[in-house]
Protein backbone atom coordinates (compact mmCIF):
# COMPACT_ATOMS: atom_id res chain seq x y z
CA MET A 1 94.85 35.65 -16.02
CA GLN A 2 92.53 33.50 -18.13
CA GLU A 3 91.92 31.12 -15.21
CA LEU A 4 91.15 34.08 -12.96
CA VAL A 5 88.67 35.47 -15.51
CA GLY A 6 86.94 32.10 -15.64
CA ARG A 7 86.59 31.93 -11.86
CA LEU A 8 85.35 35.50 -11.55
CA THR A 9 82.73 35.06 -14.26
CA SER A 10 80.66 32.82 -11.97
CA LEU A 11 81.15 35.11 -8.96
CA ASP A 12 81.04 38.63 -10.37
CA PRO A 13 80.37 39.01 -14.12
CA GLU A 14 81.18 42.73 -14.01
CA ALA A 15 84.59 42.07 -12.44
CA SER A 16 85.38 39.43 -15.04
CA GLU A 17 84.53 41.89 -17.83
CA THR A 18 86.93 44.39 -16.26
CA LEU A 19 89.72 41.82 -16.32
CA LYS A 20 88.95 41.09 -19.96
CA VAL A 21 89.41 44.80 -20.73
CA ILE A 22 92.81 44.72 -18.99
CA THR A 23 93.84 41.57 -20.87
CA TYR A 24 92.68 43.07 -24.18
CA PHE A 25 94.86 46.16 -23.86
CA ASP A 26 97.78 44.07 -22.57
CA HIS A 27 97.60 42.10 -25.83
CA LEU A 28 97.63 45.35 -27.81
CA VAL A 29 100.73 46.60 -25.99
CA GLU A 30 102.49 43.23 -26.33
CA GLY A 31 101.67 43.24 -30.04
CA ARG A 32 103.26 46.73 -30.34
CA VAL A 33 100.25 48.07 -32.21
CA GLY A 34 99.98 51.73 -33.16
CA VAL A 35 98.02 54.22 -31.10
CA GLU A 36 95.23 54.36 -33.70
CA THR A 37 94.62 50.64 -33.24
CA MET A 38 94.48 51.22 -29.47
CA VAL A 39 91.84 53.93 -29.94
CA ARG A 40 89.95 51.64 -32.32
CA GLY A 41 90.02 48.90 -29.67
CA ALA A 42 88.59 51.30 -27.08
CA ALA A 43 85.77 52.24 -29.45
CA LEU A 44 84.96 48.58 -30.13
CA LEU A 45 84.97 47.71 -26.43
CA SER A 46 82.89 50.69 -25.31
CA GLY A 47 80.46 50.84 -28.22
CA THR A 48 80.95 54.58 -28.66
CA VAL A 49 83.37 56.97 -30.36
CA ALA A 50 86.83 57.00 -28.75
CA GLY A 51 89.45 59.69 -29.23
CA LEU A 52 93.07 60.59 -28.58
CA ALA A 53 94.61 64.07 -28.72
CA ARG A 54 98.42 64.26 -28.73
CA GLY A 55 100.99 66.62 -30.18
CA GLY A 56 98.42 68.93 -31.74
CA THR A 57 96.72 66.13 -33.67
CA ALA A 58 93.73 63.96 -32.85
CA ILE A 59 92.36 60.54 -33.70
CA ARG A 60 88.64 59.70 -33.45
CA VAL A 61 87.28 56.23 -34.22
CA ASP A 62 83.66 55.07 -34.22
CA PRO A 63 82.39 51.73 -32.78
CA ALA A 64 82.52 50.15 -36.25
CA GLY A 65 86.27 50.87 -36.38
CA ALA A 66 86.07 53.71 -38.93
CA ARG A 67 88.29 56.77 -38.61
CA LEU A 68 86.31 59.99 -38.08
CA PRO A 69 87.32 63.58 -38.80
CA ALA A 70 88.86 65.42 -35.86
CA GLY A 71 88.23 69.10 -36.40
CA ALA A 72 88.69 72.01 -34.02
CA GLY A 73 85.09 71.71 -32.84
CA GLU A 74 85.45 68.13 -31.67
CA LEU A 75 88.73 68.90 -29.89
CA ALA A 76 87.22 71.93 -28.17
CA VAL A 77 84.41 69.78 -26.78
CA ALA A 78 86.84 67.02 -25.79
CA THR A 79 88.99 69.52 -23.93
CA ASP A 80 85.99 70.55 -21.84
CA SER A 81 86.13 68.07 -18.95
CA SER A 82 82.38 68.44 -18.39
CA ALA A 83 81.51 67.15 -21.87
CA TRP A 84 82.81 63.60 -22.16
CA PRO A 85 84.70 61.26 -19.81
CA GLN A 86 88.42 61.53 -20.47
CA ARG A 87 91.78 60.51 -19.03
CA ASP A 88 95.11 62.33 -19.07
CA CYS A 89 98.09 60.57 -20.70
CA GLY A 90 100.75 63.08 -19.71
CA ASP A 91 102.65 65.62 -21.86
CA GLY A 92 99.38 67.31 -22.83
CA ALA A 93 97.89 64.15 -24.36
CA PHE A 94 94.50 62.78 -23.33
CA VAL A 95 91.92 60.21 -24.39
CA TRP A 96 88.15 60.35 -24.21
CA LEU A 97 84.89 58.48 -24.91
CA GLU A 98 82.08 60.39 -26.57
CA ARG A 99 79.43 58.91 -24.31
CA SER A 100 76.14 60.75 -23.97
CA GLY A 101 74.09 59.82 -20.94
CA PRO A 102 75.07 57.49 -18.09
CA ALA A 103 78.48 55.82 -18.30
CA HIS A 104 78.61 52.10 -19.04
CA ALA A 105 80.03 49.73 -16.45
CA ASN A 106 83.50 49.45 -18.01
CA ASP A 107 83.91 52.96 -19.44
CA ALA A 108 86.29 54.02 -16.68
CA MET A 109 88.45 50.91 -17.09
CA VAL A 110 88.52 51.24 -20.90
CA LEU A 111 89.71 54.84 -20.56
CA GLU A 112 92.26 53.96 -17.88
CA ARG A 113 93.77 51.12 -19.93
CA LEU A 114 93.70 53.15 -23.15
CA ALA A 115 95.54 56.00 -21.44
CA HIS A 116 98.08 53.59 -19.93
CA SER A 117 98.63 51.81 -23.26
CA VAL A 118 99.14 55.08 -25.12
CA THR A 119 101.59 56.24 -22.44
CA VAL A 120 103.78 53.13 -22.57
CA THR A 121 103.79 52.98 -26.37
CA ARG A 122 107.10 54.32 -27.60
CA PRO A 123 107.06 56.08 -30.97
CA GLY A 124 109.84 54.77 -33.18
CA ALA A 125 109.99 51.31 -31.58
CA PRO A 126 111.38 48.51 -33.78
CA ASP A 127 109.05 47.81 -36.72
CA GLY A 128 106.80 50.59 -35.44
CA ALA A 129 107.03 52.65 -38.63
CA GLY A 130 106.14 49.72 -40.84
CA GLN A 131 103.30 48.68 -38.58
CA GLN A 132 101.81 52.16 -38.40
CA SER A 133 102.19 52.62 -42.15
CA LEU A 134 100.30 49.39 -42.77
CA GLU A 135 97.55 50.47 -40.38
CA VAL A 136 97.13 53.65 -42.42
CA LEU A 137 97.03 51.76 -45.73
CA LEU A 138 94.44 49.26 -44.51
CA ASP A 139 92.13 51.99 -43.22
CA ALA A 140 89.72 53.06 -45.97
CA THR A 141 89.14 56.38 -44.18
CA SER A 142 92.82 57.46 -44.15
CA ALA A 143 93.44 60.79 -45.84
CA ALA A 144 95.16 60.76 -49.25
CA GLY A 145 98.26 62.51 -47.88
CA GLU A 146 98.62 59.97 -45.06
CA ARG A 147 98.30 57.12 -47.55
CA ASP A 148 100.95 58.60 -49.83
CA ARG A 149 103.41 58.98 -46.94
CA ALA A 150 102.71 55.43 -45.71
CA THR A 151 103.21 54.06 -49.22
CA ALA A 152 106.54 55.86 -49.49
CA ARG A 153 107.72 54.64 -46.06
CA LEU A 154 107.10 51.05 -47.11
CA GLY A 155 108.79 51.59 -50.47
CA LEU A 156 105.74 50.52 -52.47
CA GLU A 157 105.33 51.31 -56.14
CA PRO A 158 101.85 52.42 -57.30
CA ARG A 159 101.44 49.51 -59.74
CA THR A 160 102.92 46.76 -57.55
CA ARG A 161 100.48 43.94 -56.82
CA LEU A 162 100.08 43.34 -53.08
CA THR A 163 98.06 40.90 -50.97
CA VAL A 164 96.89 41.16 -47.38
CA VAL A 165 96.75 38.03 -45.22
CA ALA A 166 94.70 38.01 -42.01
CA ALA A 167 95.56 35.53 -39.27
CA ALA A 168 94.07 34.74 -35.88
CA ARG A 169 97.39 33.53 -34.47
CA SER A 170 100.93 34.66 -35.21
CA THR A 171 102.06 31.03 -35.58
CA SER A 172 99.92 30.83 -38.71
CA LEU A 173 102.22 33.27 -40.47
CA THR A 174 105.66 31.90 -39.64
CA ALA A 175 106.25 30.77 -43.22
CA LEU A 176 105.12 34.13 -44.60
CA GLN A 177 107.64 36.22 -42.68
CA PRO A 178 110.40 36.07 -45.35
CA ALA A 179 107.94 37.44 -47.92
CA ALA A 180 106.23 39.94 -45.60
CA LEU A 181 106.67 43.65 -46.30
CA ALA A 182 104.98 44.73 -43.07
CA SER A 183 102.67 43.36 -40.41
CA ALA A 184 100.33 44.88 -37.85
CA ARG A 185 98.12 43.67 -35.03
CA MET A 186 94.66 45.04 -35.83
CA ALA A 187 91.69 45.56 -33.54
CA THR A 188 88.55 44.46 -35.41
CA ALA A 189 84.92 43.86 -34.54
CA TYR A 190 85.86 40.16 -34.33
CA GLY A 191 88.86 40.52 -32.03
CA LEU A 192 92.60 41.00 -32.49
CA VAL A 193 93.80 39.92 -35.92
CA THR A 194 97.30 40.00 -37.42
CA ALA A 195 97.50 41.59 -40.88
CA VAL A 196 100.50 40.81 -43.08
CA LEU A 197 101.30 42.59 -46.35
CA VAL A 198 102.87 40.39 -49.01
CA ARG A 199 104.17 41.35 -52.43
CA GLY A 200 102.30 39.66 -55.28
CA ASP A 201 99.80 36.87 -54.78
CA VAL A 202 99.88 34.33 -51.95
CA THR A 203 100.35 30.88 -53.44
CA ASP A 204 100.74 27.43 -51.96
CA ASP A 205 104.46 27.76 -52.71
CA LEU A 206 104.75 30.16 -49.78
CA GLY A 207 103.95 27.29 -47.44
CA LEU A 208 101.28 29.18 -45.54
CA GLY A 209 100.80 27.14 -42.39
CA ALA A 210 101.73 26.63 -38.80
CA GLY A 211 105.21 27.18 -37.56
CA PRO A 212 107.30 24.78 -35.48
CA GLY A 213 105.46 23.56 -32.43
CA ALA A 214 102.05 24.67 -33.62
CA GLY A 215 99.26 22.33 -32.66
CA PRO A 216 95.89 21.53 -34.19
CA GLY A 217 93.81 24.64 -34.73
CA ASP A 218 96.86 26.93 -34.70
CA VAL A 219 96.52 27.63 -38.42
CA ARG A 220 93.82 30.16 -39.23
CA ALA A 221 94.44 32.50 -42.15
CA GLY A 222 92.33 34.40 -44.66
CA VAL A 223 93.89 35.62 -47.91
CA GLY A 224 92.65 38.72 -49.68
CA GLU A 225 92.76 39.49 -53.40
CA PRO A 226 95.98 40.87 -54.94
CA VAL A 227 95.55 44.63 -55.49
CA THR A 228 97.56 47.82 -55.90
CA ALA A 229 98.49 49.93 -52.86
CA ASP A 230 95.54 52.30 -53.27
CA ARG A 231 93.11 49.37 -52.94
CA LEU A 232 94.64 47.66 -49.91
CA PRO A 233 91.51 48.25 -47.75
CA GLU A 234 89.64 45.97 -50.19
CA SER A 235 92.23 43.21 -49.84
CA TRP A 236 92.16 43.59 -46.04
CA ALA A 237 88.34 43.41 -45.95
CA GLY A 238 88.43 40.28 -48.11
CA ALA A 239 91.17 38.68 -46.00
CA LEU A 240 89.20 39.34 -42.80
CA LEU A 241 86.02 37.89 -44.32
CA ALA A 242 87.94 34.81 -45.45
CA LEU A 243 89.47 34.40 -41.98
CA ARG A 244 85.98 34.44 -40.45
CA VAL A 245 84.93 31.37 -42.46
CA THR A 246 88.02 29.28 -41.72
CA SER A 247 87.59 26.05 -39.78
CA GLU A 248 89.55 22.95 -38.84
CA ARG A 249 88.51 21.50 -42.19
CA ASP A 250 89.49 24.68 -44.06
CA PRO A 251 92.16 26.47 -41.99
CA VAL A 252 93.32 28.68 -44.88
CA VAL A 253 90.68 30.34 -47.06
CA ARG A 254 91.21 32.63 -50.04
CA VAL A 255 88.41 35.13 -50.49
CA GLY A 256 88.70 34.68 -54.25
CA ASP A 257 87.67 31.03 -53.83
CA LEU A 258 84.44 31.93 -52.02
CA GLY A 259 82.69 33.50 -54.99
CA LEU A 260 79.03 34.21 -54.25
CA LEU A 261 79.49 32.82 -50.73
CA ALA A 262 81.35 36.03 -49.84
CA HIS A 263 78.30 38.04 -50.93
CA ALA A 264 76.09 35.83 -48.76
CA VAL A 265 78.26 36.59 -45.72
CA GLU A 266 78.25 40.33 -46.47
CA ALA A 267 74.46 40.32 -46.88
CA ALA A 268 74.01 38.52 -43.54
CA ASP A 269 76.31 41.07 -41.88
CA HIS A 270 73.77 43.77 -42.68
CA THR A 271 70.68 41.99 -41.36
CA ALA A 272 69.32 42.41 -37.86
CA ILE A 273 68.28 38.76 -37.53
CA PRO A 274 69.98 35.57 -38.80
CA PRO A 275 68.80 34.32 -42.22
CA ALA A 276 66.16 31.58 -42.10
CA ASP A 277 68.60 28.87 -43.25
CA VAL A 278 71.09 29.82 -40.52
CA ALA A 279 68.27 29.69 -37.96
CA GLY A 280 67.49 26.20 -39.31
CA VAL A 281 71.06 25.09 -38.68
CA GLU A 282 70.81 26.44 -35.12
CA ARG A 283 67.67 24.35 -34.57
CA ALA A 284 69.42 21.25 -35.91
CA VAL A 285 72.38 21.84 -33.57
CA ALA A 286 69.99 22.35 -30.65
CA HIS A 287 68.42 18.96 -31.47
CA GLY A 288 71.73 17.10 -31.28
CA TRP A 289 73.25 17.50 -34.74
CA SER A 290 76.94 18.33 -34.62
CA VAL A 291 78.36 20.97 -36.95
CA GLY A 292 80.85 18.38 -38.21
CA ALA A 293 78.04 16.03 -39.22
CA LEU A 294 76.19 18.82 -41.02
CA GLU A 295 79.39 19.81 -42.82
CA SER A 296 79.90 16.19 -43.92
CA LEU A 297 76.32 16.10 -45.16
CA ALA A 298 76.76 19.37 -47.06
CA ASP A 299 79.91 17.97 -48.68
CA ALA A 300 77.85 15.02 -49.94
CA GLU A 301 79.97 12.48 -48.11
CA SER A 302 78.70 8.94 -47.60
CA VAL A 303 76.16 8.16 -44.91
CA ARG A 304 78.84 6.21 -43.04
CA ALA A 305 81.17 9.27 -43.09
CA VAL A 306 78.38 11.49 -41.81
CA ALA A 307 77.58 8.90 -39.12
CA ARG A 308 81.21 8.93 -37.96
CA ALA A 309 81.15 12.72 -37.70
CA ALA A 310 77.90 12.53 -35.72
CA GLY A 311 79.14 9.69 -33.49
CA LEU A 312 76.22 7.46 -34.56
CA HIS A 313 75.71 4.08 -36.18
CA HIS A 314 74.82 4.53 -39.84
CA SER A 315 71.43 2.85 -39.38
CA THR A 316 70.61 5.25 -36.53
CA LEU A 317 71.67 8.17 -38.70
CA GLN A 318 69.28 7.08 -41.47
CA ALA A 319 66.37 7.45 -39.06
CA ARG A 320 67.56 10.85 -37.88
CA LEU A 321 67.99 12.08 -41.45
CA ALA A 322 64.24 11.77 -41.92
CA ASP A 323 63.70 14.39 -39.19
CA LEU A 324 66.45 16.79 -40.30
CA PRO A 325 64.31 18.72 -42.84
CA HIS A 326 61.89 19.60 -40.00
CA HIS A 327 64.74 21.39 -38.23
CA LEU A 328 66.42 22.94 -41.27
CA GLY A 329 63.27 23.91 -43.11
CA PHE A 330 64.45 22.31 -46.37
CA GLU A 331 65.51 18.93 -47.83
CA VAL A 332 69.20 18.08 -48.04
CA THR A 333 69.01 15.07 -50.32
CA SER A 334 69.35 17.16 -53.50
CA GLY A 335 72.28 19.19 -54.75
CA ARG A 336 70.30 22.37 -54.19
CA GLY A 337 69.55 21.42 -50.58
CA ARG A 338 73.21 20.61 -49.87
CA ALA A 339 74.22 23.95 -51.39
CA ARG A 340 71.78 25.74 -49.07
CA LEU A 341 73.16 23.85 -46.08
CA HIS A 342 76.75 24.62 -47.07
CA THR A 343 75.94 28.33 -47.45
CA ALA A 344 74.09 28.43 -44.14
CA LEU A 345 77.07 26.82 -42.37
CA ILE A 346 79.48 29.35 -43.91
CA VAL A 347 77.30 32.32 -42.92
CA ARG A 348 76.83 30.92 -39.41
CA ARG A 349 80.58 30.43 -39.00
CA ALA A 350 81.32 33.98 -40.14
CA GLY A 351 78.70 35.44 -37.83
CA GLY A 352 80.12 33.70 -34.78
CA ALA A 353 83.82 34.27 -35.53
CA ARG A 354 85.85 35.70 -32.66
CA PHE A 355 89.64 35.98 -32.45
CA GLY A 356 92.36 37.11 -30.09
């Protein structure tokens, strides 16, 4: 499938995007995610509110992944086939996209795959209850009653300390499975991410790392702060942020270790244009600087180490270092300059993170 997508991209970009939609929902079904995650994935893909009505209840999710209220008014409009595009799922269930104006190119395919995925999802499948309960607990918009029921299903005590771990690949969490209380495949704005709930804090003693047969780059995990069950959305948000700044150098990142860097990432998330220092890093990369070399420079490694990362002789690197401030917009020879470069690299990495 991936090879076919690559070939079609050069021939028909719209067709390749359609195949990506199919692949996306196939991954959701294979990961046995809950129907709410499927609806959330449809909203993220389409860029508009997506909904599911089934069994007298409804789920509505906005493009940012937040759960929306589903009152009688919304369902009445959704039931009117002339209002929004929708697709029947059988047994009285249906899905819809709250698209005003002309449909987007892949709206029909998103609806078709969402309807199919909801249809083939079997309530009560193995681990389904635990997965759906975790989805509810990680969603900050879940109603209090839903959260209480999910907490009870997982057997969690109100004062128990819990930690959420976010991973880009399931192999990253092999060593965590004995300690895991529940896991769920989550659709996020950055792709499909596995969330694992662990009792207590996640320490190095848990051996967080790749499982047997995992190759380089297979380990990518972000660790949230330990919290009580009512604050699990905070731990999940921190774990996801930490996952976004992982790299080959730092494959496992704890959000608690980021300090003010986490605030820098959050601030950049709410800006329309990249910060000036991040734009400077982009200029440096465009002029032949590798990210690895810039990371070595930010870590204050020796000129020879930076030269190795850049694939240059150290004498050649010395000459290029003189031009670097023109690209970055600041000097990197001082501690302050290296701190700015390190922060810019972290924010850039988080902004470009994509998983699944």
